Amino acid sequence: MALTTTTEPVAATAVPPSPASKPTPRWRNRESLTAWLFLLPSLIGFLIFTAGPVLAAGVISLLDWNLFSPPTWAGLRNFARLGPDPTFWSALGNTAYFTFVSVPLTILVSLALALLLNQGLRRIAVFRSLLLLPYATITVAVAFVWIWLYIPHDGLVNAVLGILGIDGPAWLISDNWAMPALILMSVWKSFGFGMVVFLAGLQAIPQQLYEAARVDGTSPWQSFRNVTLPMLSPALFFVIVTSIIGSFQVFDQALIMTNGGPGTRTTTLVMYIYRTGFENYDQGYAAAQSLVLFAFIVLITATQFSFQKRLVHYDN
């Protein structure tokens, strides 16, 4: 008789897992704490000087307030006043005109000068510093210099045009030439910022790409279009976004050089907001206008960012 042995499975004794150490909270981490300490001044400044005023403008836009008497509730009445206000729409049109002419011109001048200064020429650092001076100079001083340049009979601009046989206009009091005069001055004042950003972008492009393009027999224009522009697209995108935001807030050069004239030809939206709030003391209506300007800037910036993935090339 055969004996059969059955082996019963032995139940494994479960070993209790060792208690896992509790993860240290991120705020106790030394590196995170250091980062927050460095960010704290900027964060406080943002809350006080940016987020706070925006929230305050939202509240004031719902009030009827002239700074001297207690505010009263107005609801959306201040926003309803924007529709039939011809000066508001004129100021908005002037600001859009200034933006969509000055920004492309500034970018073209900045890029051309950055390409020129990127060449390995002697004493090129001196030229870089000189070309950056207009951007570093305060706008008020630059505006007064350009007022002198635009004097109809004795100004330098019309004197040069007279040598060329051209009768120059009365720039700052002409209906047709006052805004182009402001744009020309603003391009001269602001091209230095874009030039520095483009120059940094150009110097970061690997030279091997240009060498490979030369081996393939590409022309300088093809090399610029197929190598320089794609590699420069992050810097170009940054300059476009910041330039449009800045140009929608143009104020000081128009106030000093033309005071918004002739008529309302050079009255920008920020200037109209300033006059509404601090000359006419209509704080609620000024706050409503500023919120509309804020919405325009956010909309345009969001539209630009929606095209970022398609148009901006990041070299990984």
Protein backbone atom coordinates (compact mmCIF):
# COMPACT_ATOMS: atom_id res chain seq x y z
CA MET A 1 0.00 0.00 0.00
CA ALA A 2 1.57 3.27 -1.20
CA LEU A 3 1.79 6.02 1.25
CA THR A 4 1.01 9.46 -0.07
CA THR A 5 2.26 12.52 1.68
CA THR A 6 0.33 15.74 1.44
CA THR A 7 2.15 18.93 1.96
CA GLU A 8 0.00 21.60 3.49
CA PRO A 9 0.96 25.14 2.51
CA VAL A 10 2.48 26.92 5.42
CA ALA A 11 0.94 30.31 5.96
CA ALA A 12 3.55 33.02 5.78
CA THR A 13 3.76 35.15 8.80
CA ALA A 14 3.09 38.74 7.82
CA VAL A 15 5.88 40.99 8.93
CA PRO A 16 4.49 44.36 9.93
CA PRO A 17 6.00 47.08 7.80
CA SER A 18 8.38 49.38 9.53
CA PRO A 19 6.72 52.69 10.24
CA ALA A 20 7.60 55.07 7.41
CA SER A 21 9.15 58.31 8.39
CA LYS A 22 6.77 61.21 8.05
CA PRO A 23 7.73 63.46 5.09
CA THR A 24 9.03 66.81 6.13
CA PRO A 25 6.58 69.58 5.14
CA ARG A 26 7.82 71.63 2.22
CA TRP A 27 7.69 74.85 4.16
CA ARG A 28 10.19 73.40 6.63
CA ASN A 29 12.57 72.50 3.89
CA ARG A 30 15.58 74.79 4.05
CA GLU A 31 15.77 75.43 0.30
CA SER A 32 12.07 76.24 0.06
CA LEU A 33 12.34 78.60 2.99
CA THR A 34 15.30 80.35 1.37
CA ALA A 35 13.39 80.67 -1.91
CA TRP A 36 10.37 82.17 -0.15
CA LEU A 37 12.59 84.66 1.67
CA PHE A 38 14.02 85.84 -1.65
CA LEU A 39 10.56 86.01 -3.22
CA LEU A 40 8.94 87.78 -0.29
CA PRO A 41 9.96 91.38 -1.19
CA SER A 42 8.69 90.98 -4.75
CA LEU A 43 5.53 89.27 -3.54
CA ILE A 44 4.81 92.05 -1.03
CA GLY A 45 5.47 94.67 -3.72
CA PHE A 46 3.12 92.86 -6.12
CA LEU A 47 0.33 92.67 -3.54
CA ILE A 48 0.70 96.33 -2.51
CA PHE A 49 1.39 98.00 -5.86
CA THR A 50 -0.33 95.70 -8.41
CA ALA A 51 -2.95 93.34 -7.02
CA GLY A 52 -4.15 95.82 -4.39
CA PRO A 53 -4.74 98.73 -6.80
CA VAL A 54 -6.51 96.43 -9.29
CA LEU A 55 -8.91 95.23 -6.59
CA ALA A 56 -9.38 98.79 -5.36
CA ALA A 57 -10.15 99.96 -8.91
CA GLY A 58 -12.76 97.22 -9.18
CA VAL A 59 -14.49 98.51 -6.05
CA ILE A 60 -14.16 102.23 -6.94
CA SER A 61 -15.59 101.60 -10.44
CA LEU A 62 -18.90 100.74 -8.75
CA LEU A 63 -18.98 104.02 -6.82
CA ASP A 64 -19.72 107.65 -7.51
CA TRP A 65 -16.82 109.46 -5.80
CA ASN A 66 -15.12 112.81 -6.32
CA LEU A 67 -12.43 112.44 -3.60
CA PHE A 68 -13.96 115.20 -1.46
CA SER A 69 -17.38 113.84 -0.50
CA PRO A 70 -18.32 110.36 0.75
CA PRO A 71 -18.70 107.81 -2.07
CA THR A 72 -22.15 106.62 -3.09
CA TRP A 73 -23.13 103.39 -4.80
CA ALA A 74 -23.33 103.64 -8.60
CA GLY A 75 -23.43 100.00 -9.68
CA LEU A 76 -22.57 99.55 -13.34
CA ARG A 77 -23.50 103.11 -14.25
CA ASN A 78 -19.86 104.11 -14.77
CA PHE A 79 -19.38 101.31 -17.31
CA ALA A 80 -22.58 102.32 -19.11
CA ARG A 81 -21.13 105.84 -19.57
CA LEU A 82 -18.29 104.45 -21.72
CA GLY A 83 -20.55 103.68 -24.69
CA PRO A 84 -21.71 107.21 -25.60
CA ASP A 85 -18.39 108.86 -24.60
CA PRO A 86 -16.63 109.94 -27.86
CA THR A 87 -13.44 111.03 -26.07
CA PHE A 88 -12.99 107.54 -24.59
CA TRP A 89 -13.25 105.87 -27.99
CA SER A 90 -10.98 108.48 -29.56
CA ALA A 91 -8.38 107.87 -26.82
CA LEU A 92 -8.68 104.11 -27.30
CA GLY A 93 -8.21 104.50 -31.06
CA ASN A 94 -5.18 106.75 -30.55
CA THR A 95 -3.64 104.22 -28.17
CA ALA A 96 -4.23 101.36 -30.62
CA TYR A 97 -2.74 103.44 -33.46
CA PHE A 98 0.31 104.24 -31.34
CA THR A 99 0.74 100.59 -30.34
CA PHE A 100 0.38 98.93 -33.73
CA VAL A 101 2.74 101.39 -35.43
CA SER A 102 5.38 101.94 -32.76
CA VAL A 103 5.81 98.30 -31.69
CA PRO A 104 6.72 96.86 -35.15
CA LEU A 105 9.03 99.82 -35.83
CA THR A 106 10.74 99.42 -32.45
CA ILE A 107 11.24 95.69 -33.02
CA LEU A 108 12.66 96.19 -36.52
CA VAL A 109 15.12 98.86 -35.34
CA SER A 110 16.09 96.80 -32.27
CA LEU A 111 16.65 93.63 -34.29
CA ALA A 112 18.64 95.40 -37.01
CA LEU A 113 20.94 97.04 -34.47
CA ALA A 114 21.33 93.79 -32.52
CA LEU A 115 22.40 91.98 -35.70
CA LEU A 116 24.86 94.78 -36.43
CA LEU A 117 26.30 94.80 -32.91
CA ASN A 118 26.61 91.02 -32.87
CA GLN A 119 29.49 91.27 -35.34
CA GLY A 120 32.99 90.91 -33.94
CA LEU A 121 34.03 94.51 -34.57
CA ARG A 122 36.55 96.52 -32.57
CA ARG A 123 35.23 98.79 -29.80
CA ILE A 124 31.77 97.37 -30.30
CA ALA A 125 31.09 97.65 -26.54
CA VAL A 126 31.30 101.45 -26.82
CA PHE A 127 28.59 101.50 -29.50
CA ARG A 128 26.41 99.16 -27.45
CA SER A 129 26.60 101.52 -24.47
CA LEU A 130 25.87 104.60 -26.58
CA LEU A 131 22.85 102.99 -28.22
CA LEU A 132 21.48 101.98 -24.83
CA LEU A 133 21.62 105.55 -23.49
CA PRO A 134 18.19 106.68 -24.84
CA TYR A 135 16.47 103.81 -23.02
CA ALA A 136 18.32 104.63 -19.78
CA THR A 137 17.41 108.34 -19.96
CA ILE A 138 14.21 109.44 -18.20
CA THR A 139 11.31 110.13 -20.55
CA VAL A 140 10.71 113.68 -19.33
CA ALA A 141 14.22 114.79 -20.34
CA VAL A 142 13.96 113.02 -23.70
CA ALA A 143 10.56 114.62 -24.37
CA PHE A 144 11.90 118.13 -23.81
CA VAL A 145 14.83 117.47 -26.17
CA TRP A 146 12.46 116.22 -28.86
CA ILE A 147 10.19 119.26 -28.42
CA TRP A 148 13.20 121.37 -29.36
CA LEU A 149 13.98 119.08 -32.32
CA TYR A 150 10.39 119.46 -33.59
CA ILE A 151 10.26 123.29 -33.45
CA PRO A 152 8.75 124.24 -36.86
CA HIS A 153 11.27 126.89 -38.03
CA ASP A 154 14.37 126.46 -35.90
CA GLY A 155 14.22 122.77 -35.01
CA LEU A 156 16.85 120.33 -36.19
CA VAL A 157 14.37 117.96 -37.88
CA ASN A 158 12.91 120.63 -40.19
CA ALA A 159 16.39 122.08 -40.77
CA VAL A 160 17.58 118.71 -42.12
CA LEU A 161 14.41 118.34 -44.20
CA GLY A 162 14.99 121.86 -45.57
CA ILE A 163 18.47 120.85 -46.75
CA LEU A 164 16.80 118.01 -48.67
CA GLY A 165 14.30 120.46 -50.19
CA ILE A 166 11.38 119.30 -48.05
CA ASP A 167 9.18 121.78 -46.22
CA GLY A 168 8.75 120.21 -42.78
CA PRO A 169 5.40 120.40 -40.99
CA ALA A 170 4.61 121.94 -37.62
CA TRP A 171 5.00 118.52 -36.06
CA LEU A 172 3.43 118.75 -32.62
CA ILE A 173 0.50 121.00 -33.57
CA SER A 174 -0.41 119.27 -36.82
CA ASP A 175 -3.49 117.04 -36.94
CA ASN A 176 -1.72 114.61 -39.26
CA TRP A 177 1.83 114.67 -37.87
CA ALA A 178 1.48 114.96 -34.08
CA MET A 179 0.99 111.22 -33.50
CA PRO A 180 3.76 110.15 -35.94
CA ALA A 181 6.05 112.62 -34.13
CA LEU A 182 5.26 110.91 -30.81
CA ILE A 183 5.80 107.49 -32.36
CA LEU A 184 9.19 108.49 -33.79
CA MET A 185 10.32 109.80 -30.42
CA SER A 186 9.05 106.67 -28.63
CA VAL A 187 10.85 104.33 -31.05
CA TRP A 188 14.09 106.23 -30.46
CA LYS A 189 13.54 106.10 -26.70
CA SER A 190 12.70 102.40 -26.39
CA PHE A 191 14.69 100.49 -29.04
CA GLY A 192 17.58 99.95 -26.59
CA PHE A 193 15.61 97.48 -24.47
CA GLY A 194 14.77 95.21 -27.40
CA MET A 195 18.29 95.56 -28.76
CA VAL A 196 19.81 94.20 -25.53
CA VAL A 197 17.34 91.28 -25.38
CA PHE A 198 17.92 90.38 -29.05
CA LEU A 199 21.68 90.67 -28.62
CA ALA A 200 21.60 88.23 -25.71
CA GLY A 201 19.46 85.85 -27.80
CA LEU A 202 21.81 86.07 -30.78
CA GLN A 203 24.86 85.31 -28.67
CA ALA A 204 23.14 82.20 -27.28
CA ILE A 205 22.62 80.64 -30.74
CA PRO A 206 25.12 77.77 -31.28
CA GLN A 207 27.58 78.59 -34.06
CA GLN A 208 27.43 74.98 -35.29
CA LEU A 209 24.00 75.72 -36.76
CA TYR A 210 25.44 78.48 -38.95
CA GLU A 211 28.35 76.25 -39.98
CA ALA A 212 25.94 73.49 -40.98
CA ALA A 213 23.87 76.02 -42.95
CA ARG A 214 27.00 77.22 -44.79
CA VAL A 215 27.92 73.62 -45.65
CA ASP A 216 24.44 73.20 -47.13
CA GLY A 217 25.06 76.25 -49.31
CA THR A 218 22.39 78.51 -47.84
CA SER A 219 22.42 82.24 -48.56
CA PRO A 220 22.66 84.80 -45.70
CA TRP A 221 18.93 85.50 -46.00
CA GLN A 222 18.08 81.76 -45.84
CA SER A 223 20.38 81.39 -42.84
CA PHE A 224 18.62 84.30 -41.12
CA ARG A 225 15.16 82.95 -41.90
CA ASN A 226 15.81 79.29 -41.11
CA VAL A 227 18.34 79.54 -38.27
CA THR A 228 18.38 82.98 -36.65
CA LEU A 229 14.64 83.70 -36.50
CA PRO A 230 13.58 80.28 -35.10
CA MET A 231 16.34 80.33 -32.48
CA LEU A 232 15.55 83.96 -31.63
CA SER A 233 11.80 83.39 -31.37
CA PRO A 234 11.68 83.20 -27.51
CA ALA A 235 13.41 86.61 -27.26
CA LEU A 236 11.21 87.99 -30.04
CA PHE A 237 8.06 86.77 -28.29
CA PHE A 238 9.16 88.33 -25.00
CA VAL A 239 9.92 91.70 -26.63
CA ILE A 240 6.60 91.75 -28.51
CA VAL A 241 4.55 90.99 -25.39
CA THR A 242 6.31 93.51 -23.15
CA SER A 243 6.37 96.20 -25.86
CA ILE A 244 2.63 95.93 -26.51
CA ILE A 245 1.84 96.06 -22.79
CA GLY A 246 4.07 99.12 -22.37
CA SER A 247 2.74 100.95 -25.43
CA PHE A 248 -0.87 100.56 -24.32
CA GLN A 249 0.13 102.49 -21.20
CA VAL A 250 1.80 105.39 -23.04
CA PHE A 251 1.31 108.58 -21.09
CA ASP A 252 4.25 110.81 -20.17
CA GLN A 253 5.62 111.65 -23.63
CA ALA A 254 2.14 112.55 -24.91
CA LEU A 255 1.40 114.65 -21.82
CA ILE A 256 4.65 116.62 -22.04
CA MET A 257 5.02 117.00 -25.81
CA THR A 258 1.45 117.63 -26.97
CA ASN A 259 -0.78 117.56 -23.87
CA GLY A 260 -3.11 115.35 -25.89
CA GLY A 261 -3.54 117.85 -28.71
CA PRO A 262 -4.21 119.14 -31.20
CA GLY A 263 -7.77 118.52 -30.08
CA THR A 264 -7.74 114.90 -28.95
CA ARG A 265 -5.42 113.63 -31.70
CA THR A 266 -2.76 112.43 -29.26
CA THR A 267 -4.92 111.86 -26.16
CA THR A 268 -4.09 108.32 -25.06
CA LEU A 269 -6.27 106.16 -22.87
CA VAL A 270 -4.02 106.49 -19.80
CA MET A 271 -3.98 110.28 -20.25
CA TYR A 272 -7.79 110.33 -20.42
CA ILE A 273 -7.97 108.17 -17.28
CA TYR A 274 -5.62 110.59 -15.51
CA ARG A 275 -7.67 113.62 -16.55
CA THR A 276 -10.94 111.97 -15.57
CA GLY A 277 -9.68 110.98 -12.15
CA PHE A 278 -7.39 113.84 -11.13
CA GLU A 279 -8.58 116.85 -13.14
CA ASN A 280 -12.33 116.18 -13.21
CA TYR A 281 -12.22 114.23 -9.91
CA ASP A 282 -14.51 111.51 -11.26
CA GLN A 283 -12.83 108.55 -9.59
CA GLY A 284 -15.52 105.98 -10.33
CA TYR A 285 -15.54 106.67 -14.06
CA ALA A 286 -11.71 106.72 -14.18
CA ALA A 287 -11.59 103.35 -12.42
CA ALA A 288 -14.08 101.91 -14.94
CA GLN A 289 -11.89 103.14 -17.82
CA SER A 290 -8.78 101.65 -16.22
CA LEU A 291 -10.49 98.26 -15.88
CA VAL A 292 -11.43 98.35 -19.56
CA LEU A 293 -7.79 99.09 -20.41
CA PHE A 294 -6.72 96.22 -18.15
CA ALA A 295 -9.15 93.90 -19.93
CA PHE A 296 -7.79 94.94 -23.35
CA ILE A 297 -4.21 94.25 -22.26
CA VAL A 298 -5.14 90.86 -20.76
CA LEU A 299 -7.05 89.88 -23.91
CA ILE A 300 -4.21 90.84 -26.26
CA THR A 301 -1.60 89.14 -24.08
CA ALA A 302 -3.69 85.95 -23.81
CA THR A 303 -4.11 85.93 -27.60
CA GLN A 304 -0.34 86.17 -28.03
CA PHE A 305 0.25 83.32 -25.59
CA SER A 306 -2.27 81.16 -27.47
CA PHE A 307 0.07 81.30 -30.48
CA GLN A 308 3.20 80.68 -28.42
CA LYS A 309 3.49 76.92 -28.99
CA ARG A 310 3.05 77.34 -32.73
CA LEU A 311 5.42 80.25 -33.29
CA VAL A 312 8.05 80.01 -30.54
CA HIS A 313 10.83 77.46 -30.82
CA TYR A 314 12.61 76.41 -27.64
CA ASP A 315 15.93 74.64 -28.08
CA ASN A 316 15.98 71.73 -25.66
